[in-house]
Structure formats: C-alpha cells, structure tokens
C-alpha atoms as a PDB file:
ATOM      1  CA  UNK A   1      97.279 -23.781  79.856  1.00  0.00           C
ATOM      2  CA  UNK A   2      99.953 -21.454  78.529  1.00  0.00           C
ATOM      3  CA  UNK A   3      99.923 -20.578  74.820  1.00  0.00           C
ATOM      4  CA  UNK A   4     103.085 -21.466  72.874  1.00  0.00           C
ATOM      5  CA  UNK A   5     105.171 -18.436  71.968  1.00  0.00           C
ATOM      6  CA  UNK A   6     104.793 -17.457  68.326  1.00  0.00           C
ATOM      7  CA  UNK A   7     108.064 -16.959  66.462  1.00  0.00           C
ATOM      8  CA  UNK A   8     108.247 -14.072  64.014  1.00  0.00           C
ATOM      9  CA  UNK A   9     110.745 -14.626  61.224  1.00  0.00           C
ATOM     10  CA  UNK A  10     113.176 -11.939  60.012  1.00  0.00           C
ATOM     11  CA  UNK A  11     111.185 -10.765  56.989  1.00  0.00           C
ATOM     12  CA  UNK A  12     111.725  -7.090  57.802  1.00  0.00           C
ATOM     13  CA  UNK A  13     112.453  -5.958  54.239  1.00  0.00           C
ATOM     14  CA  UNK A  14     111.133  -7.784  51.201  1.00  0.00           C
ATOM     15  CA  UNK A  15     112.444  -6.388  47.940  1.00  0.00           C
ATOM     16  CA  UNK A  16     110.604  -6.610  44.651  1.00  0.00           C
ATOM     17  CA  UNK A  17     111.153  -5.244  41.163  1.00  0.00           C
ATOM     18  CA  UNK A  18     108.733  -2.321  41.498  1.00  0.00           C
ATOM     19  CA  UNK A  19     107.885  -2.254  45.191  1.00  0.00           C
ATOM     20  CA  UNK A  20     109.460  -3.155  48.515  1.00  0.00           C
ATOM     21  CA  UNK A  21     107.733  -4.175  51.722  1.00  0.00           C
ATOM     22  CA  UNK A  22     109.170  -2.580  54.870  1.00  0.00           C
ATOM     23  CA  UNK A  23     108.062  -3.897  58.245  1.00  0.00           C
ATOM     24  CA  UNK A  24     106.151  -1.402  60.376  1.00  0.00           C
ATOM     25  CA  UNK A  25     105.292  -3.715  63.236  1.00  0.00           C
ATOM     26  CA  UNK A  26     104.901  -7.326  64.276  1.00  0.00           C
ATOM     27  CA  UNK A  27     101.811  -7.889  66.370  1.00  0.00           C
ATOM     28  CA  UNK A  28     101.562 -10.960  68.616  1.00  0.00           C
ATOM     29  CA  UNK A  29      98.297 -12.862  68.743  1.00  0.00           C
ATOM     30  CA  UNK A  30      95.728 -12.275  71.471  1.00  0.00           C
ATOM     31  CA  UNK A  31      93.893 -15.426  72.539  1.00  0.00           C
ATOM     32  CA  UNK A  32      91.256 -13.481  74.518  1.00  0.00           C
ATOM     33  CA  UNK A  33      90.281 -11.442  71.426  1.00  0.00           C
ATOM     34  CA  UNK A  34      90.796 -14.351  68.994  1.00  0.00           C
ATOM     35  CA  UNK A  35      93.519 -12.394  67.141  1.00  0.00           C
ATOM     36  CA  UNK A  36      96.255 -14.267  65.300  1.00  0.00           C
ATOM     37  CA  UNK A  37      99.829 -12.898  65.024  1.00  0.00           C
ATOM     38  CA  UNK A  38     100.420 -10.447  62.174  1.00  0.00           C
ATOM     39  CA  UNK A  39     103.112  -8.736  60.144  1.00  0.00           C
ATOM     40  CA  UNK A  40     102.319  -5.151  59.059  1.00  0.00           C
ATOM     41  CA  UNK A  41     104.244  -3.588  56.178  1.00  0.00           C
ATOM     42  CA  UNK A  42     104.535  -0.294  54.357  1.00  0.00           C
ATOM     43  CA  UNK A  43     104.529  -0.686  50.579  1.00  0.00           C
ATOM     44  CA  UNK A  44     107.209   1.559  49.096  1.00  0.00           C
ATOM     45  CA  UNK A  45     108.274   2.171  45.537  1.00  0.00           C
ATOM     46  CA  UNK A  46     111.468   0.116  45.159  1.00  0.00           C
ATOM     47  CA  UNK A  47     114.574   1.715  46.575  1.00  0.00           C
ATOM     48  CA  UNK A  48     112.740   4.807  47.850  1.00  0.00           C
ATOM     49  CA  UNK A  49     111.228   6.118  51.058  1.00  0.00           C
ATOM     50  CA  UNK A  50     107.944   6.817  49.238  1.00  0.00           C
ATOM     51  CA  UNK A  51     105.163   4.825  50.894  1.00  0.00           C
ATOM     52  CA  UNK A  52     102.303   4.121  48.493  1.00  0.00           C
ATOM     53  CA  UNK A  53     100.209   1.807  50.662  1.00  0.00           C
ATOM     54  CA  UNK A  54     100.128  -0.844  53.354  1.00  0.00           C
ATOM     55  CA  UNK A  55      99.700  -4.599  53.569  1.00  0.00           C
ATOM     56  CA  UNK A  56      99.435  -6.992  56.463  1.00  0.00           C
ATOM     57  CA  UNK A  57      99.582 -10.755  56.808  1.00  0.00           C
ATOM     58  CA  UNK A  58      97.730 -12.512  59.605  1.00  0.00           C
ATOM     59  CA  UNK A  59      99.219 -15.910  60.426  1.00  0.00           C
ATOM     60  CA  UNK A  60      96.762 -18.714  61.141  1.00  0.00           C
ATOM     61  CA  UNK A  61      93.090 -19.389  60.642  1.00  0.00           C
ATOM     62  CA  UNK A  62      89.992 -18.836  62.732  1.00  0.00           C
ATOM     63  CA  UNK A  63      86.585 -17.187  62.350  1.00  0.00           C
ATOM     64  CA  UNK A  64      88.194 -13.724  62.348  1.00  0.00           C
ATOM     65  CA  UNK A  65      90.527 -14.555  59.468  1.00  0.00           C
ATOM     66  CA  UNK A  66      87.703 -16.220  57.544  1.00  0.00           C
ATOM     67  CA  UNK A  67      85.661 -13.027  57.505  1.00  0.00           C
ATOM     68  CA  UNK A  68      88.544 -10.532  57.671  1.00  0.00           C
ATOM     69  CA  UNK A  69      91.113 -12.424  55.614  1.00  0.00           C
ATOM     70  CA  UNK A  70      94.732 -13.355  56.166  1.00  0.00           C
ATOM     71  CA  UNK A  71      95.835 -10.455  54.004  1.00  0.00           C
ATOM     72  CA  UNK A  72      94.645  -6.858  54.094  1.00  0.00           C
ATOM     73  CA  UNK A  73      95.948  -4.182  51.747  1.00  0.00           C
ATOM     74  CA  UNK A  74      95.397  -0.591  50.781  1.00  0.00           C
ATOM     75  CA  UNK A  75      97.014   1.412  47.982  1.00  0.00           C
ATOM     76  CA  UNK A  76      96.972   5.212  48.023  1.00  0.00           C
ATOM     77  CA  UNK A  77      94.565   6.556  45.404  1.00  0.00           C
ATOM     78  CA  UNK A  78      97.335   8.215  43.357  1.00  0.00           C
ATOM     79  CA  UNK A  79      99.090   4.846  42.832  1.00  0.00           C
ATOM     80  CA  UNK A  80      96.113   2.635  42.045  1.00  0.00           C
ATOM     81  CA  UNK A  81      95.834   0.891  38.691  1.00  0.00           C
ATOM     82  CA  UNK A  82      99.401  -0.454  38.726  1.00  0.00           C
ATOM     83  CA  UNK A  83      98.566  -3.830  40.342  1.00  0.00           C
ATOM     84  CA  UNK A  84     100.662  -2.937  43.400  1.00  0.00           C
ATOM     85  CA  UNK A  85      98.295  -4.794  45.762  1.00  0.00           C
ATOM     86  CA  UNK A  86      98.719  -8.037  43.803  1.00  0.00           C
ATOM     87  CA  UNK A  87     102.486  -7.494  43.583  1.00  0.00           C
ATOM     88  CA  UNK A  88     102.635  -6.964  47.349  1.00  0.00           C
ATOM     89  CA  UNK A  89     100.634 -10.171  47.906  1.00  0.00           C
ATOM     90  CA  UNK A  90     103.112 -12.087  45.760  1.00  0.00           C
ATOM     91  CA  UNK A  91     105.974 -10.682  47.858  1.00  0.00           C
ATOM     92  CA  UNK A  92     104.201 -11.772  51.065  1.00  0.00           C
ATOM     93  CA  UNK A  93     103.883 -15.340  49.798  1.00  0.00           C
ATOM     94  CA  UNK A  94     107.338 -16.204  51.155  1.00  0.00           C
ATOM     95  CA  UNK A  95     106.344 -15.131  54.679  1.00  0.00           C
ATOM     96  CA  UNK A  96     103.150 -17.206  54.565  1.00  0.00           C
ATOM     97  CA  UNK A  97     105.013 -20.247  53.250  1.00  0.00           C
ATOM     98  CA  UNK A  98     107.678 -19.900  55.966  1.00  0.00           C
ATOM     99  CA  UNK A  99     104.831 -20.220  58.481  1.00  0.00           C
ATOM    100  CA  UNK A 100     103.435 -23.320  56.763  1.00  0.00           C
ATOM    101  CA  UNK A 101     100.484 -21.564  55.155  1.00  0.00           C
ATOM    102  CA  UNK A 102      99.507 -22.897  51.725  1.00  0.00           C
ATOM    103  CA  UNK A 103      96.055 -21.345  51.569  1.00  0.00           C
ATOM    104  CA  UNK A 104      95.347 -17.703  52.258  1.00  0.00           C
ATOM    105  CA  UNK A 105      91.935 -16.132  52.724  1.00  0.00           C
ATOM    106  CA  UNK A 106      91.452 -12.683  51.208  1.00  0.00           C
ATOM    107  CA  UNK A 107      88.158 -10.891  51.697  1.00  0.00           C
ATOM    108  CA  UNK A 108      86.658  -7.719  50.309  1.00  0.00           C
ATOM    109  CA  UNK A 109      83.347  -5.957  50.035  1.00  0.00           C
ATOM    110  CA  UNK A 110      81.252  -7.027  47.025  1.00  0.00           C
ATOM    111  CA  UNK A 111      81.280  -3.456  45.656  1.00  0.00           C
ATOM    112  CA  UNK A 112      85.085  -3.136  45.894  1.00  0.00           C
ATOM    113  CA  UNK A 113      85.766  -3.791  42.217  1.00  0.00           C
ATOM    114  CA  UNK A 114      89.519  -3.153  42.473  1.00  0.00           C
ATOM    115  CA  UNK A 115      90.003  -5.613  45.324  1.00  0.00           C
ATOM    116  CA  UNK A 116      87.876  -8.249  43.593  1.00  0.00           C
ATOM    117  CA  UNK A 117      90.060  -7.809  40.487  1.00  0.00           C
ATOM    118  CA  UNK A 118      93.190  -8.167  42.645  1.00  0.00           C
ATOM    119  CA  UNK A 119      91.925 -11.501  43.967  1.00  0.00           C
ATOM    120  CA  UNK A 120      91.168 -12.683  40.433  1.00  0.00           C
ATOM    121  CA  UNK A 121      94.622 -11.514  39.261  1.00  0.00           C
ATOM    122  CA  UNK A 122      96.171 -13.654  42.017  1.00  0.00           C
ATOM    123  CA  UNK A 123      94.216 -16.681  40.830  1.00  0.00           C
ATOM    124  CA  UNK A 124      92.229 -16.844  44.057  1.00  0.00           C
ATOM    125  CA  UNK A 125      88.990 -18.808  44.067  1.00  0.00           C
ATOM    126  CA  UNK A 126      85.771 -17.078  45.112  1.00  0.00           C
ATOM    127  CA  UNK A 127      84.332 -19.370  47.787  1.00  0.00           C
ATOM    128  CA  UNK A 128      81.228 -17.361  48.601  1.00  0.00           C
ATOM    129  CA  UNK A 129      79.658 -13.990  49.207  1.00  0.00           C
ATOM    130  CA  UNK A 130      78.612 -14.123  52.835  1.00  0.00           C
ATOM    131  CA  UNK A 131      76.524 -12.024  55.192  1.00  0.00           C
ATOM    132  CA  UNK A 132      78.663 -11.035  58.168  1.00  0.00           C
ATOM    133  CA  UNK A 133      77.527 -12.248  61.579  1.00  0.00           C
ATOM    134  CA  UNK A 134      75.915  -9.449  63.580  1.00  0.00           C
ATOM    135  CA  UNK A 135      78.554  -9.757  66.328  1.00  0.00           C
ATOM    136  CA  UNK A 136      81.452  -9.340  63.872  1.00  0.00           C
ATOM    137  CA  UNK A 137      83.520  -6.146  64.305  1.00  0.00           C
ATOM    138  CA  UNK A 138      83.125  -5.251  60.636  1.00  0.00           C
ATOM    139  CA  UNK A 139      79.338  -5.627  60.868  1.00  0.00           C
ATOM    140  CA  UNK A 140      79.320  -3.344  63.891  1.00  0.00           C
ATOM    141  CA  UNK A 141      81.276  -0.787  61.789  1.00  0.00           C
ATOM    142  CA  UNK A 142      78.648  -0.835  59.025  1.00  0.00           C
ATOM    143  CA  UNK A 143      79.872  -3.575  56.669  1.00  0.00           C
ATOM    144  CA  UNK A 144      77.377  -6.347  55.991  1.00  0.00           C
ATOM    145  CA  UNK A 145      78.781  -8.663  53.314  1.00  0.00           C
ATOM    146  CA  UNK A 146      82.161 -10.031  52.261  1.00  0.00           C
ATOM    147  CA  UNK A 147      83.443 -11.852  49.223  1.00  0.00           C
ATOM    148  CA  UNK A 148      85.564 -14.722  50.560  1.00  0.00           C
ATOM    149  CA  UNK A 149      88.450 -15.777  48.309  1.00  0.00           C
ATOM    150  CA  UNK A 150      90.910 -18.623  48.846  1.00  0.00           C
ATOM    151  CA  UNK A 151      94.373 -18.171  47.348  1.00  0.00           C
ATOM    152  CA  UNK A 152      96.314 -21.420  47.143  1.00  0.00           C
ATOM    153  CA  UNK A 153     100.025 -20.727  47.190  1.00  0.00           C
ATOM    154  CA  UNK A 154     103.175 -22.742  46.657  1.00  0.00           C
ATOM    155  CA  UNK A 155     106.851 -21.909  46.403  1.00  0.00           C
END
C-alpha cells in the first residue's frame, strides 16, 4: 500500500521580535525507519544573518517522537540564557497547528537543566522520566533516560 504524500507548508521564514526561523531543509518521512516528516530551521537574531542555534519540528507521533520529541533545539553557548529556545518553540507553534498538532512532545536528558527549564517556561507538563529502550538510537549513542514533556498548544 502506497503512503500518502506529505504536504509541507510554506513556513520558510518565521519572523519574531528577537529571533527569526529560517528553513534549512524539509525532510520527508521514512516509513521503513519510522521517521516522520520534519522541518529544520536555523535560529537567527532578527533581521540578521547571524545564526545562534537550530530547531526542528517533527510532524506526527510514534515511538520515535515519544522518546526523541517533536521538537529538538540547540542554542550556541554564547547566546544561552536569553530564552531563545522557548521563543523559537513559540514561533514553531503555527507550523504545528497548521498540521493539526495540538500536543507536542519535547524530551531532554534529566541532567539538562536548561532544557528542563525551557519546557517549564513553555508550560509543558512533565509526563515521566523514562529509561530508554535498549534498541533506541539514543540509547545506542550512550543516553539512557529522558524526561518526557507534553506541551499542549492552541492558536
């Protein structure tokens, strides 16, 4: 049975007050690997070419997104402490909503204090701290636990 074609929407530039999200790539899903489609963005200081981090949004839910999250972000060390990860998540909300997503999973390592604080800042609910399955890619790379947060979003 042929998979339906996923439609990416034209969210190539998302402007904010302090940061902008600029699309780097749109990655189609891969049924064989259980990958969902994803948007990958550079996080730039507003109106500049200065990239200060990255953020991606994975569309859909499955066991991979439960453990790995629908959103992944990273802020360059020099720019941390300004809540740019949370601000980027808020900008991505419109993309998630356009795809009918009203709950987003965000995960992080228990010792990642900054990422845990970002989830709390967003108002996400901590569902559990879970041991990763031994066949999970992150486990195979040396990560063993994840904090699983659910962020309920609306327009």
